[in-house]
């Protein structure tokens, strides 16, 4: 889980910052669209993954209770 947190909360923001910087300096419409799409997509992935640990904990407790209930 530590590597997962590093990827989601350290690498992805750096990728978003890089795409934002490139968006400012690149004037080709196709590349600018790709940078905007990348920023939105990475932001959405971060939003979804921000509560992944809570979902995994709920899944684990459900799994343990199902196994112990046999």
PDB file of N, CA and C in Angstrom:
ATOM      1  N   UNK A   1       0.812  -1.195   0.000  1.00  0.00           N
ATOM      2  CA  UNK A   1       0.000   0.000   0.000  1.00  0.00           C
ATOM      3  C   UNK A   1       0.860   1.265   0.000  1.00  0.00           C
ATOM      4  N   UNK A   2       2.077   1.188   0.533  1.00  0.00           N
ATOM      5  CA  UNK A   2       2.929   2.373   0.565  1.00  0.00           C
ATOM      6  C   UNK A   2       3.332   2.789  -0.851  1.00  0.00           C
ATOM      7  N   UNK A   3       3.644   1.814  -1.700  1.00  0.00           N
ATOM      8  CA  UNK A   3       4.006   2.128  -3.080  1.00  0.00           C
ATOM      9  C   UNK A   3       2.808   2.688  -3.833  1.00  0.00           C
ATOM     10  N   UNK A   4       1.636   2.183  -3.514  1.00  0.00           N
ATOM     11  CA  UNK A   4       0.411   2.661  -4.138  1.00  0.00           C
ATOM     12  C   UNK A   4       0.177   4.126  -3.777  1.00  0.00           C
ATOM     13  N   UNK A   5       0.345   4.459  -2.499  1.00  0.00           N
ATOM     14  CA  UNK A   5       0.183   5.840  -2.067  1.00  0.00           C
ATOM     15  C   UNK A   5       1.197   6.758  -2.713  1.00  0.00           C
ATOM     16  N   UNK A   6       2.405   6.266  -2.899  1.00  0.00           N
ATOM     17  CA  UNK A   6       3.440   7.061  -3.568  1.00  0.00           C
ATOM     18  C   UNK A   6       3.042   7.344  -5.012  1.00  0.00           C
ATOM     19  N   UNK A   7       2.548   6.333  -5.684  1.00  0.00           N
ATOM     20  CA  UNK A   7       2.162   6.509  -7.087  1.00  0.00           C
ATOM     21  C   UNK A   7       0.997   7.477  -7.225  1.00  0.00           C
ATOM     22  N   UNK A   8       0.019   7.347  -6.361  1.00  0.00           N
ATOM     23  CA  UNK A   8      -1.189   8.162  -6.502  1.00  0.00           C
ATOM     24  C   UNK A   8      -0.966   9.597  -6.043  1.00  0.00           C
ATOM     25  N   UNK A   9      -0.288   9.774  -4.936  1.00  0.00           N
ATOM     26  CA  UNK A   9      -0.236  11.106  -4.343  1.00  0.00           C
ATOM     27  C   UNK A   9       1.085  11.846  -4.540  1.00  0.00           C
ATOM     28  N   UNK A  10       2.052  11.237  -5.206  1.00  0.00           N
ATOM     29  CA  UNK A  10       3.291  11.943  -5.504  1.00  0.00           C
ATOM     30  C   UNK A  10       3.582  11.980  -6.999  1.00  0.00           C
ATOM     31  N   UNK A  11       3.414  10.871  -7.664  1.00  0.00           N
ATOM     32  CA  UNK A  11       3.744  10.811  -9.096  1.00  0.00           C
ATOM     33  C   UNK A  11       2.657  11.477  -9.937  1.00  0.00           C
ATOM     34  N   UNK A  12       1.412  11.174  -9.659  1.00  0.00           N
ATOM     35  CA  UNK A  12       0.330  11.753 -10.470  1.00  0.00           C
ATOM     36  C   UNK A  12       0.268  13.277 -10.374  1.00  0.00           C
ATOM     37  N   UNK A  13       0.428  13.875  -9.186  1.00  0.00           N
ATOM     38  CA  UNK A  13       0.458  15.347  -9.168  1.00  0.00           C
ATOM     39  C   UNK A  13       1.627  15.929  -9.971  1.00  0.00           C
ATOM     40  N   UNK A  14       2.757  15.234  -9.976  1.00  0.00           N
ATOM     41  CA  UNK A  14       3.875  15.697 -10.799  1.00  0.00           C
ATOM     42  C   UNK A  14       3.533  15.617 -12.284  1.00  0.00           C
ATOM     43  N   UNK A  15       2.831  14.558 -12.669  1.00  0.00           N
ATOM     44  CA  UNK A  15       2.410  14.422 -14.067  1.00  0.00           C
ATOM     45  C   UNK A  15       1.406  15.512 -14.436  1.00  0.00           C
ATOM     46  N   UNK A  16       0.505  15.840 -13.515  1.00  0.00           N
ATOM     47  CA  UNK A  16      -0.462  16.909 -13.764  1.00  0.00           C
ATOM     48  C   UNK A  16       0.263  18.247 -13.904  1.00  0.00           C
ATOM     49  N   UNK A  17       1.231  18.492 -13.037  1.00  0.00           N
ATOM     50  CA  UNK A  17       1.994  19.744 -13.115  1.00  0.00           C
ATOM     51  C   UNK A  17       2.775  19.833 -14.422  1.00  0.00           C
ATOM     52  N   UNK A  18       3.357  18.725 -14.844  1.00  0.00           N
ATOM     53  CA  UNK A  18       4.098  18.713 -16.108  1.00  0.00           C
ATOM     54  C   UNK A  18       3.173  18.985 -17.285  1.00  0.00           C
ATOM     55  N   UNK A  19       1.998  18.374 -17.281  1.00  0.00           N
ATOM     56  CA  UNK A  19       1.038  18.603 -18.369  1.00  0.00           C
ATOM     57  C   UNK A  19       0.560  20.052 -18.370  1.00  0.00           C
ATOM     58  N   UNK A  20       0.383  20.629 -17.187  1.00  0.00           N
ATOM     59  CA  UNK A  20      -0.049  22.027 -17.109  1.00  0.00           C
ATOM     60  C   UNK A  20       1.042  22.964 -17.624  1.00  0.00           C
ATOM     61  N   UNK A  21       2.287  22.662 -17.285  1.00  0.00           N
ATOM     62  CA  UNK A  21       3.393  23.492 -17.769  1.00  0.00           C
ATOM     63  C   UNK A  21       3.516  23.388 -19.298  1.00  0.00           C
ATOM     64  N   UNK A  22       3.403  22.177 -19.815  1.00  0.00           N
ATOM     65  CA  UNK A  22       3.490  22.001 -21.262  1.00  0.00           C
ATOM     66  C   UNK A  22       2.315  22.662 -21.975  1.00  0.00           C
ATOM     67  N   UNK A  23       1.147  22.657 -21.334  1.00  0.00           N
ATOM     68  CA  UNK A  23      -0.031  23.298 -21.919  1.00  0.00           C
ATOM     69  C   UNK A  23       0.224  24.785 -22.156  1.00  0.00           C
ATOM     70  N   UNK A  24       0.932  25.401 -21.230  1.00  0.00           N
ATOM     71  CA  UNK A  24       1.205  26.836 -21.337  1.00  0.00           C
ATOM     72  C   UNK A  24       2.160  27.137 -22.490  1.00  0.00           C
ATOM     73  N   UNK A  25       3.146  26.274 -22.690  1.00  0.00           N
ATOM     74  CA  UNK A  25       4.195  26.575 -23.658  1.00  0.00           C
ATOM     75  C   UNK A  25       3.972  26.004 -25.052  1.00  0.00           C
ATOM     76  N   UNK A  26       3.075  25.049 -25.212  1.00  0.00           N
ATOM     77  CA  UNK A  26       2.820  24.434 -26.512  1.00  0.00           C
ATOM     78  C   UNK A  26       1.614  25.113 -27.153  1.00  0.00           C
ATOM     79  N   UNK A  27       1.718  25.428 -28.441  1.00  0.00           N
ATOM     80  CA  UNK A  27       0.644  26.152 -29.113  1.00  0.00           C
ATOM     81  C   UNK A  27      -0.078  25.306 -30.157  1.00  0.00           C
ATOM     82  N   UNK A  28       0.240  24.033 -30.248  1.00  0.00           N
ATOM     83  CA  UNK A  28      -0.441  23.142 -31.184  1.00  0.00           C
ATOM     84  C   UNK A  28      -1.767  22.689 -30.564  1.00  0.00           C
ATOM     85  N   UNK A  29      -2.888  22.904 -31.258  1.00  0.00           N
ATOM     86  CA  UNK A  29      -4.187  22.577 -30.671  1.00  0.00           C
ATOM     87  C   UNK A  29      -4.349  21.102 -30.296  1.00  0.00           C
ATOM     88  N   UNK A  30      -3.784  20.215 -31.082  1.00  0.00           N
ATOM     89  CA  UNK A  30      -3.901  18.788 -30.782  1.00  0.00           C
ATOM     90  C   UNK A  30      -3.184  18.410 -29.496  1.00  0.00           C
ATOM     91  N   UNK A  31      -1.996  18.950 -29.317  1.00  0.00           N
ATOM     92  CA  UNK A  31      -1.246  18.666 -28.091  1.00  0.00           C
ATOM     93  C   UNK A  31      -1.881  19.328 -26.878  1.00  0.00           C
ATOM     94  N   UNK A  32      -2.402  20.518 -27.055  1.00  0.00           N
ATOM     95  CA  UNK A  32      -3.063  21.191 -25.937  1.00  0.00           C
ATOM     96  C   UNK A  32      -4.284  20.391 -25.486  1.00  0.00           C
ATOM     97  N   UNK A  33      -5.024  19.857 -26.441  1.00  0.00           N
ATOM     98  CA  UNK A  33      -6.168  19.011 -26.102  1.00  0.00           C
ATOM     99  C   UNK A  33      -5.742  17.750 -25.368  1.00  0.00           C
ATOM    100  N   UNK A  34      -4.624  17.179 -25.795  1.00  0.00           N
ATOM    101  CA  UNK A  34      -4.107  15.989 -25.120  1.00  0.00           C
ATOM    102  C   UNK A  34      -3.676  16.311 -23.698  1.00  0.00           C
ATOM    103  N   UNK A  35      -3.081  17.484 -23.489  1.00  0.00           N
ATOM    104  CA  UNK A  35      -2.663  17.869 -22.138  1.00  0.00           C
ATOM    105  C   UNK A  35      -3.870  18.113 -21.240  1.00  0.00           C
ATOM    106  N   UNK A  36      -4.898  18.759 -21.755  1.00  0.00           N
ATOM    107  CA  UNK A  36      -6.115  18.983 -20.962  1.00  0.00           C
ATOM    108  C   UNK A  36      -6.763  17.654 -20.615  1.00  0.00           C
ATOM    109  N   UNK A  37      -6.831  16.753 -21.590  1.00  0.00           N
ATOM    110  CA  UNK A  37      -7.402  15.434 -21.340  1.00  0.00           C
ATOM    111  C   UNK A  37      -6.595  14.683 -20.295  1.00  0.00           C
ATOM    112  N   UNK A  38      -5.291  14.774 -20.355  1.00  0.00           N
ATOM    113  CA  UNK A  38      -4.427  14.116 -19.372  1.00  0.00           C
ATOM    114  C   UNK A  38      -4.657  14.673 -17.975  1.00  0.00           C
ATOM    115  N   UNK A  39      -4.765  15.990 -17.873  1.00  0.00           N
ATOM    116  CA  UNK A  39      -4.990  16.615 -16.568  1.00  0.00           C
ATOM    117  C   UNK A  39      -6.312  16.163 -15.977  1.00  0.00           C
ATOM    118  N   UNK A  40      -7.359  16.164 -16.776  1.00  0.00           N
ATOM    119  CA  UNK A  40      -8.681  15.750 -16.291  1.00  0.00           C
ATOM    120  C   UNK A  40      -8.672  14.274 -15.910  1.00  0.00           C
ATOM    121  N   UNK A  41      -8.094  13.438 -16.747  1.00  0.00           N
ATOM    122  CA  UNK A  41      -8.065  12.001 -16.485  1.00  0.00           C
ATOM    123  C   UNK A  41      -7.275  11.686 -15.221  1.00  0.00           C
ATOM    124  N   UNK A  42      -6.091  12.267 -15.060  1.00  0.00           N
ATOM    125  CA  UNK A  42      -5.287  12.015 -13.870  1.00  0.00           C
ATOM    126  C   UNK A  42      -5.964  12.550 -12.612  1.00  0.00           C
ATOM    127  N   UNK A  43      -6.624  13.682 -12.715  1.00  0.00           N
ATOM    128  CA  UNK A  43      -7.375  14.207 -11.570  1.00  0.00           C
ATOM    129  C   UNK A  43      -8.509  13.298 -11.176  1.00  0.00           C
ATOM    130  N   UNK A  44      -9.204  12.747 -12.164  1.00  0.00           N
ATOM    131  CA  UNK A  44     -10.292  11.810 -11.881  1.00  0.00           C
ATOM    132  C   UNK A  44      -9.765  10.530 -11.243  1.00  0.00           C
ATOM    133  N   UNK A  45      -8.665  10.014 -11.737  1.00  0.00           N
ATOM    134  CA  UNK A  45      -8.058   8.817 -11.147  1.00  0.00           C
ATOM    135  C   UNK A  45      -7.650   9.089  -9.704  1.00  0.00           C
ATOM    136  N   UNK A  46      -7.085  10.261  -9.430  1.00  0.00           N
ATOM    137  CA  UNK A  46      -6.711  10.598  -8.055  1.00  0.00           C
ATOM    138  C   UNK A  46      -7.935  10.685  -7.160  1.00  0.00           C
ATOM    139  N   UNK A  47      -9.019  11.237  -7.674  1.00  0.00           N
ATOM    140  CA  UNK A  47     -10.252  11.340  -6.895  1.00  0.00           C
ATOM    141  C   UNK A  47     -10.807   9.960  -6.553  1.00  0.00           C
ATOM    142  N   UNK A  48     -10.813   9.074  -7.524  1.00  0.00           N
ATOM    143  CA  UNK A  48     -11.322   7.726  -7.299  1.00  0.00           C
ATOM    144  C   UNK A  48     -10.412   6.951  -6.358  1.00  0.00           C
ATOM    145  N   UNK A  49      -9.107   7.069  -6.540  1.00  0.00           N
ATOM    146  CA  UNK A  49      -8.156   6.305  -5.732  1.00  0.00           C
ATOM    147  C   UNK A  49      -7.932   6.880  -4.345  1.00  0.00           C
ATOM    148  N   UNK A  50      -8.419   8.076  -4.087  1.00  0.00           N
ATOM    149  CA  UNK A  50      -8.193   8.665  -2.775  1.00  0.00           C
ATOM    150  C   UNK A  50      -8.921   7.913  -1.673  1.00  0.00           C
ATOM    151  N   UNK A  51      -9.993   7.224  -2.014  1.00  0.00           N
ATOM    152  CA  UNK A  51     -10.701   6.452  -0.992  1.00  0.00           C
ATOM    153  C   UNK A  51     -10.562   4.946  -1.220  1.00  0.00           C
ATOM    154  N   UNK A  52      -9.551   4.537  -1.949  1.00  0.00           N
ATOM    155  CA  UNK A  52      -9.348   3.107  -2.221  1.00  0.00           C
ATOM    156  C   UNK A  52      -8.988   2.345  -0.956  1.00  0.00           C
ATOM    157  N   UNK A  53      -8.235   2.951  -0.063  1.00  0.00           N
ATOM    158  CA  UNK A  53      -7.847   2.284   1.169  1.00  0.00           C
ATOM    159  C   UNK A  53      -9.080   1.970   2.022  1.00  0.00           C
ATOM    160  N   UNK A  54     -10.028   2.885   2.086  1.00  0.00           N
ATOM    161  CA  UNK A  54     -11.255   2.647   2.836  1.00  0.00           C
ATOM    162  C   UNK A  54     -12.062   1.503   2.211  1.00  0.00           C
ATOM    163  N   UNK A  55     -12.117   1.469   0.889  1.00  0.00           N
ATOM    164  CA  UNK A  55     -12.835   0.379   0.218  1.00  0.00           C
ATOM    165  C   UNK A  55     -12.162  -0.958   0.490  1.00  0.00           C
ATOM    166  N   UNK A  56     -10.830  -0.986   0.493  1.00  0.00           N
ATOM    167  CA  UNK A  56     -10.109  -2.231   0.760  1.00  0.00           C
ATOM    168  C   UNK A  56     -10.325  -2.708   2.187  1.00  0.00           C
ATOM    169  N   UNK A  57     -10.399  -1.803   3.145  1.00  0.00           N
ATOM    170  CA  UNK A  57     -10.655  -2.188   4.528  1.00  0.00           C
ATOM    171  C   UNK A  57     -12.050  -2.788   4.686  1.00  0.00           C
ATOM    172  N   UNK A  58     -13.046  -2.195   4.055  1.00  0.00           N
ATOM    173  CA  UNK A  58     -14.408  -2.736   4.104  1.00  0.00           C
ATOM    174  C   UNK A  58     -14.452  -4.107   3.453  1.00  0.00           C
ATOM    175  N   UNK A  59     -13.779  -4.254   2.318  1.00  0.00           N
ATOM    176  CA  UNK A  59     -13.730  -5.532   1.635  1.00  0.00           C
ATOM    177  C   UNK A  59     -13.062  -6.584   2.509  1.00  0.00           C
ATOM    178  N   UNK A  60     -11.985  -6.226   3.178  1.00  0.00           N
ATOM    179  CA  UNK A  60     -11.265  -7.171   4.031  1.00  0.00           C
ATOM    180  C   UNK A  60     -12.125  -7.622   5.199  1.00  0.00           C
ATOM    181  N   UNK A  61     -12.816  -6.705   5.853  1.00  0.00           N
ATOM    182  CA  UNK A  61     -13.679  -7.100   6.981  1.00  0.00           C
ATOM    183  C   UNK A  61     -14.836  -7.969   6.507  1.00  0.00           C
ATOM    184  N   UNK A  62     -15.392  -7.660   5.357  1.00  0.00           N
ATOM    185  CA  UNK A  62     -16.459  -8.498   4.808  1.00  0.00           C
ATOM    186  C   UNK A  62     -15.957  -9.881   4.470  1.00  0.00           C
ATOM    187  N   UNK A  63     -14.779  -9.953   3.898  1.00  0.00           N
ATOM    188  CA  UNK A  63     -14.182 -11.230   3.541  1.00  0.00           C
ATOM    189  C   UNK A  63     -13.870 -12.057   4.784  1.00  0.00           C
ATOM    190  N   UNK A  64     -13.322 -11.433   5.810  1.00  0.00           N
ATOM    191  CA  UNK A  64     -12.979 -12.148   7.043  1.00  0.00           C
ATOM    192  C   UNK A  64     -14.252 -12.642   7.730  1.00  0.00           C
ATOM    193  N   UNK A  65     -15.298 -11.827   7.752  1.00  0.00           N
ATOM    194  CA  UNK A  65     -16.543 -12.260   8.392  1.00  0.00           C
ATOM    195  C   UNK A  65     -17.206 -13.387   7.597  1.00  0.00           C
ATOM    196  N   UNK A  66     -17.079 -13.374   6.281  1.00  0.00           N
ATOM    197  CA  UNK A  66     -17.670 -14.428   5.460  1.00  0.00           C
ATOM    198  C   UNK A  66     -16.916 -15.753   5.663  1.00  0.00           C
ATOM    199  N   UNK A  67     -15.595 -15.679   5.792  1.00  0.00           N
ATOM    200  CA  UNK A  67     -14.790 -16.878   5.979  1.00  0.00           C
ATOM    201  C   UNK A  67     -15.004 -17.447   7.380  1.00  0.00           C
ATOM    202  N   UNK A  68     -15.072 -16.581   8.381  1.00  0.00           N
ATOM    203  CA  UNK A  68     -15.264 -17.055   9.750  1.00  0.00           C
ATOM    204  C   UNK A  68     -16.686 -17.523  10.012  1.00  0.00           C
ATOM    205  N   UNK A  69     -17.629 -17.150   9.158  1.00  0.00           N
ATOM    206  CA  UNK A  69     -19.025 -17.545   9.323  1.00  0.00           C
ATOM    207  C   UNK A  69     -19.336 -18.913   8.769  1.00  0.00           C
ATOM    208  N   UNK A  70     -18.373 -19.593   8.203  1.00  0.00           N
ATOM    209  CA  UNK A  70     -18.620 -20.906   7.618  1.00  0.00           C
ATOM    210  C   UNK A  70     -18.945 -21.909   8.635  1.00  0.00           C
TER     211      UNK A  70
END
